[in-house]
Amino acid sequence: MLLLREFFEVNVKVDGRKPETQVYQATEFAVGEHGAVGIPSSVVVKGTYYAKARVVLGYRSLRDGQHTYDTEASSSDADILLRDTPGGELVRVSNCTAWFNMADLTNGKPMVVHPQDIKERGVSVAGKEQHYVCGSQAVEALNGGEGFTITPLSREELVSYPEQAMGPYWLSVTACWSTMDDLFERARTVLRDGSGVRSGSFDVQWSMGELRFWNQVSDTPDADWKHTVVTRVERRFDANFNYQAMTRDVHRSEITYKSKKDFKRIQFVSGIFGLVGVSREAEQGADQVSRFCTGTNLRMCTSNAQFENAPEGVLPEEYWRSMKGHHGTFRLRYDKQEGKRYGTLTVRMVWHELTYKDVEGFEDEYLIV
């Protein structure tokens, strides 16, 4: 289901080339004939085009790490939190709209955030699939003109979630991205609090819709899950204060991610720093993700393959000898009682520890799967 002001993806043919995936924001729905665009009777959606920055800036080049919304004197915008941009930067083209048949939309659920969310609220788009940043809007020159006129886009003008415009009584699929962010925030809390141990777990309430969203964005086939039914016995007092035993069927699904390929799929959802925590004992604030200092003790839930050729000083002494046969793991177990809407997701992690070095390419070597 697509809501008003929600972002969607559609494959569009441009100048006879292969179809390319474009991002639009829904502004209007209609049912019936739209002769002006040749769409037959069906449900159609009108969207405002959010172009990739390279399309708008085809006639102008940017320095590495620079974005359309940067000021000339700004250097902080090139932070690693924005490492996916300008490749992952979008520009709203205000005077470019189009109608699409709902059946032509892809399954993608793009998330578009404002640079202010990244700089002030710590939202990270680095390494996340279907995540973009938009801090500019443009008007395309018409009537034979060329190029675009670019102006800043204020935070108030960008609606990332439909709920911001329609109120809390609606629940969009895009809002599931915030559920994913909450999941990995809880994971980082476990990583920070785990003193002297290399494993931990936590529970969170999830619906079946959120589980299906996880499978979609992490590219996890349902067949990869191990499905079982567990009979749970509950004892309760009846009206006469006698014990009554009740049996309930609990549908259980389990999956374990531990290979390099597995963690690469998880990183598409979590981002580069989704499963990277800083020890609570460290002086550095745990919220300052991506701004680590040399010597900071990091805890990472990832595959062993990343650390096989780690240089001296990155991993603790005798680390591999003590961890022989162990793997970094990210295990999910979802229990839902028959007839219930929500279930309990139990996340168990086994992690590694390494020492951060402030050298070029360290993140690419050890943090990016």
Protein backbone atom coordinates (compact mmCIF):
# COMPACT_ATOMS: atom_id res chain seq x y z
CA MET A 1 0.00 0.00 0.00
CA LEU A 2 1.29 3.45 -0.95
CA LEU A 3 0.29 6.55 0.99
CA LEU A 4 0.20 10.20 0.06
CA ARG A 5 3.64 11.86 0.40
CA GLU A 6 5.34 8.47 0.51
CA PHE A 7 8.39 7.86 -1.70
CA PHE A 8 8.36 5.13 -4.32
CA GLU A 9 10.61 3.73 -7.05
CA VAL A 10 9.75 3.09 -10.69
CA ASN A 11 11.80 1.93 -13.67
CA VAL A 12 11.78 4.55 -16.44
CA LYS A 13 13.27 4.44 -19.94
CA VAL A 14 15.36 7.53 -20.64
CA ASP A 15 16.37 8.47 -24.21
CA GLY A 16 16.04 4.92 -25.49
CA ARG A 17 18.55 3.55 -22.96
CA LYS A 18 17.95 0.69 -20.56
CA PRO A 19 15.36 1.47 -17.86
CA GLU A 20 16.78 3.23 -14.81
CA THR A 21 15.28 3.29 -11.34
CA GLN A 22 13.97 6.73 -10.39
CA VAL A 23 12.58 8.03 -7.09
CA TYR A 24 9.30 9.94 -6.84
CA GLN A 25 7.11 11.21 -4.00
CA ALA A 26 3.38 10.49 -4.25
CA THR A 27 1.28 13.67 -4.47
CA GLU A 28 -2.03 12.48 -5.96
CA PHE A 29 -3.99 9.30 -6.71
CA ALA A 30 -6.69 8.75 -9.32
CA VAL A 31 -8.80 6.00 -10.84
CA GLY A 32 -9.84 6.10 -14.48
CA GLU A 33 -8.67 7.24 -17.88
CA HIS A 34 -5.79 9.72 -18.09
CA GLY A 35 -5.74 10.38 -21.81
CA ALA A 36 -3.11 13.07 -21.47
CA VAL A 37 -0.53 10.48 -20.51
CA GLY A 38 -2.05 7.46 -22.21
CA ILE A 39 -2.61 5.40 -19.05
CA PRO A 40 -5.59 3.03 -19.35
CA SER A 41 -8.29 2.75 -16.71
CA SER A 42 -6.56 1.69 -13.49
CA VAL A 43 -5.24 3.08 -10.23
CA VAL A 44 -2.55 5.64 -11.02
CA VAL A 45 -0.28 7.82 -8.89
CA LYS A 46 1.21 11.22 -9.60
CA GLY A 47 4.68 11.83 -8.24
CA THR A 48 7.25 14.61 -7.93
CA TYR A 49 10.63 13.62 -9.32
CA TYR A 50 13.66 13.40 -6.99
CA ALA A 51 16.60 13.27 -9.37
CA LYS A 52 20.05 12.00 -8.52
CA ALA A 53 22.44 14.89 -8.05
CA ARG A 54 24.61 13.80 -10.97
CA VAL A 55 21.60 14.28 -13.31
CA VAL A 56 20.98 17.84 -12.11
CA LEU A 57 24.69 18.66 -12.07
CA GLY A 58 25.54 17.16 -15.45
CA TYR A 59 27.05 20.46 -16.49
CA ARG A 60 28.92 21.10 -13.24
CA SER A 61 31.41 19.05 -11.22
CA LEU A 62 31.70 18.73 -7.45
CA ARG A 63 34.76 18.07 -5.34
CA ASP A 64 34.99 14.74 -3.52
CA GLY A 65 32.67 14.77 -0.53
CA GLN A 66 30.89 17.93 -1.68
CA HIS A 67 27.13 18.16 -2.11
CA THR A 68 24.71 20.56 -3.74
CA TYR A 69 23.63 21.93 -0.35
CA ASP A 70 27.19 22.63 0.89
CA THR A 71 28.41 26.15 1.47
CA GLU A 72 31.77 27.09 0.00
CA ALA A 73 33.33 27.29 3.46
CA SER A 74 31.79 24.07 4.75
CA SER A 75 34.04 21.09 5.35
CA SER A 76 32.07 19.19 8.00
CA ASP A 77 29.55 18.03 5.41
CA ALA A 78 32.10 15.61 4.01
CA ASP A 79 31.78 13.48 7.15
CA ILE A 80 31.87 9.72 6.70
CA LEU A 81 28.19 9.59 7.67
CA LEU A 82 27.57 10.98 4.19
CA ARG A 83 30.08 8.78 2.40
CA ASP A 84 27.39 7.49 0.02
CA THR A 85 26.79 10.97 -1.36
CA PRO A 86 26.80 12.72 -3.80
CA GLY A 87 26.12 9.31 -5.40
CA GLY A 88 23.26 8.87 -2.93
CA GLU A 89 22.15 12.50 -2.98
CA LEU A 90 18.78 13.44 -4.47
CA VAL A 91 17.53 16.84 -5.62
CA ARG A 92 13.80 17.55 -5.72
CA VAL A 93 12.84 18.82 -9.18
CA SER A 94 9.77 20.88 -8.27
CA ASN A 95 8.38 21.34 -11.79
CA CYS A 96 8.84 17.72 -12.92
CA THR A 97 5.89 15.42 -12.21
CA ALA A 98 4.56 12.27 -13.88
CA TRP A 99 1.69 9.77 -13.68
CA PHE A 100 2.42 6.06 -13.23
CA ASN A 101 0.33 2.94 -13.14
CA MET A 102 0.51 1.47 -9.64
CA ALA A 103 1.28 -1.92 -11.15
CA ASP A 104 4.53 -0.52 -12.62
CA LEU A 105 6.04 0.46 -9.26
CA THR A 106 8.91 -1.63 -7.92
CA ASN A 107 8.98 -3.22 -4.45
CA GLY A 108 11.61 -0.71 -3.30
CA LYS A 109 10.82 1.55 -0.33
CA PRO A 110 13.29 4.46 -0.53
CA MET A 111 14.02 6.50 2.58
CA VAL A 112 14.92 10.16 1.98
CA VAL A 113 16.35 12.22 4.85
CA HIS A 114 17.51 15.82 5.19
CA PRO A 115 21.17 16.70 5.90
CA GLN A 116 19.98 18.32 9.12
CA ASP A 117 18.76 14.90 10.33
CA ILE A 118 22.26 13.53 9.81
CA LYS A 119 24.16 16.39 11.40
CA GLU A 120 21.88 17.08 14.37
CA ARG A 121 20.05 13.80 15.06
CA GLY A 122 22.81 11.34 14.15
CA VAL A 123 20.82 9.62 11.39
CA SER A 124 23.21 7.59 9.24
CA VAL A 125 22.78 6.71 5.56
CA ALA A 126 26.29 5.34 5.07
CA GLY A 127 26.12 1.87 3.54
CA LYS A 128 22.30 1.64 3.69
CA GLU A 129 20.51 0.49 0.59
CA GLN A 130 17.56 2.61 -0.61
CA HIS A 131 18.62 5.51 1.66
CA TYR A 132 19.19 8.97 0.22
CA VAL A 133 19.84 12.50 1.43
CA CYS A 134 18.11 15.56 -0.03
CA GLY A 135 18.96 19.13 0.93
CA SER A 136 18.31 20.97 -2.34
CA GLN A 137 15.50 21.59 -4.77
CA ALA A 138 15.74 22.55 -8.43
CA VAL A 139 13.60 24.00 -11.20
CA GLU A 140 14.26 22.69 -14.69
CA ALA A 141 14.54 25.30 -17.43
CA LEU A 142 11.66 24.96 -19.92
CA ASN A 143 10.86 26.36 -23.38
CA GLY A 144 14.18 25.43 -24.91
CA GLY A 145 16.31 26.41 -21.94
CA GLU A 146 19.00 24.19 -20.46
CA GLY A 147 20.07 23.35 -16.95
CA PHE A 148 18.51 23.73 -13.52
CA THR A 149 18.17 26.50 -10.97
CA ILE A 150 19.19 25.05 -7.59
CA THR A 151 18.08 26.45 -4.21
CA PRO A 152 18.32 25.10 -0.62
CA LEU A 153 15.51 22.87 0.66
CA SER A 154 14.59 23.53 4.31
CA ARG A 155 13.98 20.68 6.73
CA GLU A 156 10.32 21.68 7.12
CA GLU A 157 9.71 21.26 3.38
CA LEU A 158 10.91 17.65 3.23
CA VAL A 159 8.43 14.99 4.35
CA SER A 160 10.40 11.79 4.97
CA TYR A 161 7.48 9.80 6.41
CA PRO A 162 3.83 10.12 5.29
CA GLU A 163 2.89 10.19 8.98
CA GLN A 164 4.47 13.64 9.24
CA ALA A 165 1.78 15.03 6.91
CA MET A 166 -1.15 12.67 7.56
CA GLY A 167 -0.89 12.15 11.30
CA PRO A 168 -0.10 9.16 13.54
CA TYR A 169 -3.28 7.24 12.68
CA TRP A 170 -1.70 5.98 9.46
CA LEU A 171 1.14 3.45 9.30
CA SER A 172 3.25 3.45 6.16
CA VAL A 173 5.62 0.73 5.01
CA THR A 174 8.38 3.36 4.93
CA ALA A 175 7.98 3.74 8.70
CA CYS A 176 9.38 0.22 9.05
CA TRP A 177 12.81 1.76 8.37
CA SER A 178 12.57 3.43 11.80
CA THR A 179 11.85 -0.02 13.28
CA MET A 180 15.03 -1.31 11.65
CA ASP A 181 16.99 1.65 13.06
CA ASP A 182 15.59 0.90 16.53
CA LEU A 183 16.66 -2.75 16.19
CA PHE A 184 20.27 -1.82 15.48
CA GLU A 185 20.27 0.90 18.15
CA ARG A 186 19.37 -1.80 20.69
CA ALA A 187 22.12 -3.99 19.23
CA ARG A 188 24.70 -1.23 19.75
CA THR A 189 23.49 -0.80 23.32
CA VAL A 190 24.23 -4.48 23.98
CA LEU A 191 27.66 -4.05 22.39
CA ARG A 192 28.41 -1.06 24.62
CA ASP A 193 27.26 -2.73 27.82
CA GLY A 194 28.93 -6.09 27.29
CA SER A 195 31.88 -5.86 29.67
CA GLY A 196 34.26 -8.82 29.61
CA VAL A 197 31.99 -10.90 27.35
CA ARG A 198 31.65 -11.41 23.60
CA SER A 199 27.97 -12.27 23.30
CA GLY A 200 24.60 -10.86 24.30
CA SER A 201 20.90 -10.81 23.42
CA PHE A 202 17.76 -8.70 23.66
CA ASP A 203 14.03 -8.96 22.85
CA VAL A 204 11.83 -6.63 20.84
CA GLN A 205 8.17 -6.73 19.84
CA TRP A 206 7.65 -7.17 16.10
CA SER A 207 4.66 -7.66 13.81
CA MET A 208 4.54 -10.01 10.84
CA GLY A 209 4.62 -6.95 8.58
CA GLU A 210 7.94 -5.86 10.07
CA LEU A 211 9.32 -9.38 9.65
CA ARG A 212 8.29 -9.39 5.98
CA PHE A 213 9.89 -5.94 5.56
CA TRP A 214 13.14 -7.31 7.04
CA ASN A 215 13.13 -10.19 4.57
CA GLN A 216 12.55 -7.80 1.68
CA VAL A 217 15.24 -5.22 2.45
CA SER A 218 17.81 -7.80 3.63
CA ASP A 219 17.12 -10.02 0.61
CA THR A 220 16.41 -12.99 2.88
CA PRO A 221 14.20 -15.68 1.29
CA ASP A 222 11.59 -17.16 3.59
CA ALA A 223 13.06 -20.57 2.81
CA ASP A 224 16.24 -19.57 4.69
CA TRP A 225 14.29 -19.52 7.96
CA LYS A 226 13.82 -22.67 10.01
CA HIS A 227 10.11 -22.94 10.84
CA THR A 228 8.82 -24.95 13.81
CA VAL A 229 5.76 -25.03 16.06
CA VAL A 230 6.33 -24.99 19.83
CA THR A 231 3.58 -25.90 22.30
CA ARG A 232 3.63 -23.59 25.29
CA VAL A 233 1.77 -24.42 28.52
CA GLU A 234 0.38 -21.52 30.55
CA ARG A 235 -1.13 -21.79 34.02
CA ARG A 236 -3.70 -19.29 35.20
CA PHE A 237 -6.15 -18.84 38.06
CA ASP A 238 -9.81 -19.23 37.16
CA ALA A 239 -12.72 -17.42 38.86
CA ASN A 240 -12.55 -19.88 41.80
CA PHE A 241 -8.80 -19.40 42.18
CA ASN A 242 -8.01 -22.84 40.83
CA TYR A 243 -5.05 -23.41 38.50
CA GLN A 244 -6.09 -23.96 34.90
CA ALA A 245 -3.58 -25.18 32.34
CA MET A 246 -3.80 -23.77 28.81
CA THR A 247 -1.80 -24.84 25.79
CA ARG A 248 -0.90 -22.43 23.01
CA ASP A 249 0.81 -23.07 19.71
CA VAL A 250 3.76 -20.75 19.12
CA HIS A 251 5.03 -20.45 15.56
CA ARG A 252 8.81 -20.10 15.74
CA SER A 253 11.12 -18.96 12.94
CA GLU A 254 14.92 -18.96 13.35
CA ILE A 255 17.82 -17.86 11.19
CA THR A 256 21.55 -17.33 11.80
CA TYR A 257 23.72 -14.91 9.83
CA LYS A 258 27.46 -15.59 10.11
CA SER A 259 29.11 -15.63 6.68
CA LYS A 260 30.57 -12.64 4.88
CA LYS A 261 27.68 -12.78 2.40
CA ASP A 262 25.17 -12.83 5.27
CA PHE A 263 26.65 -9.77 6.96
CA LYS A 264 26.80 -7.92 3.68
CA ARG A 265 23.03 -8.34 3.42
CA ILE A 266 22.59 -7.10 6.99
CA GLN A 267 24.76 -4.05 6.29
CA PHE A 268 22.41 -3.00 3.48
CA VAL A 269 19.81 -2.55 6.24
CA SER A 270 21.95 -1.44 9.18
CA GLY A 271 24.53 0.75 7.44
CA ILE A 272 28.28 0.72 8.01
CA PHE A 273 27.99 1.43 11.75
CA GLY A 274 24.81 -0.55 12.48
CA LEU A 275 26.63 -3.31 14.37
CA VAL A 276 29.62 -1.32 15.64
CA GLY A 277 29.65 -0.29 19.29
CA VAL A 278 32.04 1.59 21.56
CA SER A 279 32.73 0.23 25.03
CA ARG A 280 30.86 2.19 27.71
CA GLU A 281 34.15 2.45 29.61
CA ALA A 282 35.68 4.43 26.74
CA GLU A 283 35.97 8.18 27.19
CA GLN A 284 34.57 8.79 23.75
CA GLY A 285 30.81 9.29 23.62
CA ALA A 286 29.00 6.26 22.24
CA ASP A 287 26.73 8.49 20.13
CA GLN A 288 29.64 9.83 18.07
CA VAL A 289 29.49 7.04 15.56
CA SER A 290 32.00 7.39 12.68
CA ARG A 291 34.12 9.86 14.67
CA PHE A 292 36.39 7.34 16.34
CA CYS A 293 39.88 8.11 17.61
CA THR A 294 43.01 5.98 17.37
CA GLY A 295 43.04 3.50 20.24
CA THR A 296 39.25 3.34 20.66
CA ASN A 297 38.12 -0.18 21.49
CA LEU A 298 35.37 -1.15 19.03
CA ARG A 299 33.02 -4.09 19.29
CA MET A 300 31.78 -5.42 15.97
CA CYS A 301 29.31 -8.12 15.07
CA THR A 302 30.55 -9.35 11.69
CA SER A 303 32.12 -12.34 9.97
CA ASN A 304 35.59 -13.62 10.83
CA ALA A 305 36.67 -13.29 7.19
CA GLN A 306 37.25 -9.54 7.60
CA PHE A 307 39.99 -9.98 10.20
CA GLU A 308 42.03 -12.86 8.77
CA ASN A 309 44.78 -10.54 7.51
CA ALA A 310 44.52 -7.88 10.19
CA PRO A 311 47.82 -6.09 10.91
CA GLU A 312 49.50 -6.15 14.30
CA GLY A 313 47.81 -3.93 16.87
CA VAL A 314 44.31 -4.06 15.39
CA LEU A 315 43.23 -7.27 17.13
CA PRO A 316 44.06 -8.19 20.76
CA GLU A 317 47.08 -10.45 21.32
CA GLU A 318 46.39 -14.18 20.97
CA TYR A 319 42.92 -13.30 19.69
CA TRP A 320 42.63 -15.93 16.98
CA ARG A 321 44.01 -18.70 19.14
CA SER A 322 41.41 -18.05 21.83
CA MET A 323 38.58 -17.66 19.27
CA LYS A 324 39.42 -20.67 17.11
CA GLY A 325 36.21 -22.24 15.83
CA HIS A 326 34.07 -19.27 16.84
CA HIS A 327 32.30 -16.95 14.45
CA GLY A 328 30.69 -13.57 14.73
CA THR A 329 26.97 -14.32 14.52
CA PHE A 330 23.69 -12.45 14.31
CA ARG A 331 20.83 -14.79 15.16
CA LEU A 332 17.12 -13.98 14.96
CA ARG A 333 14.32 -15.98 16.56
CA TYR A 334 10.73 -14.87 16.05
CA ASP A 335 7.97 -16.36 18.25
CA LYS A 336 4.32 -15.54 17.54
CA GLN A 337 1.32 -17.14 19.19
CA GLU A 338 -1.48 -18.42 17.00
CA GLY A 339 -3.98 -15.64 16.34
CA LYS A 340 -1.80 -12.83 17.72
CA ARG A 341 -0.80 -9.81 15.67
CA TYR A 342 2.56 -9.21 17.33
CA GLY A 343 5.30 -11.59 18.32
CA THR A 344 8.66 -11.48 20.11
CA LEU A 345 11.89 -11.14 18.16
CA THR A 346 14.95 -12.36 20.09
CA VAL A 347 18.29 -11.18 18.76
CA ARG A 348 21.49 -12.89 19.86
CA MET A 349 24.92 -11.66 18.84
CA VAL A 350 28.50 -12.90 19.10
CA TRP A 351 31.01 -10.15 18.37
CA HIS A 352 34.68 -9.36 17.85
CA GLU A 353 36.83 -6.64 19.39
CA LEU A 354 39.40 -4.53 17.58
CA THR A 355 41.32 -1.32 18.11
CA TYR A 356 40.49 1.58 15.80
CA LYS A 357 43.31 3.29 13.89
CA ASP A 358 42.79 6.71 12.38
CA VAL A 359 44.35 5.89 9.02
CA GLU A 360 42.98 6.22 5.52
CA GLY A 361 41.01 3.21 4.36
CA PHE A 362 40.51 1.66 7.81
CA GLU A 363 36.69 1.75 7.52
CA ASP A 364 36.78 0.26 4.03
CA GLU A 365 39.02 -2.56 5.22
CA TYR A 366 37.33 -3.54 8.47
CA LEU A 367 33.90 -1.90 8.79
CA ILE A 368 32.52 -2.45 5.30
CA VAL A 369 31.72 -6.08 4.56
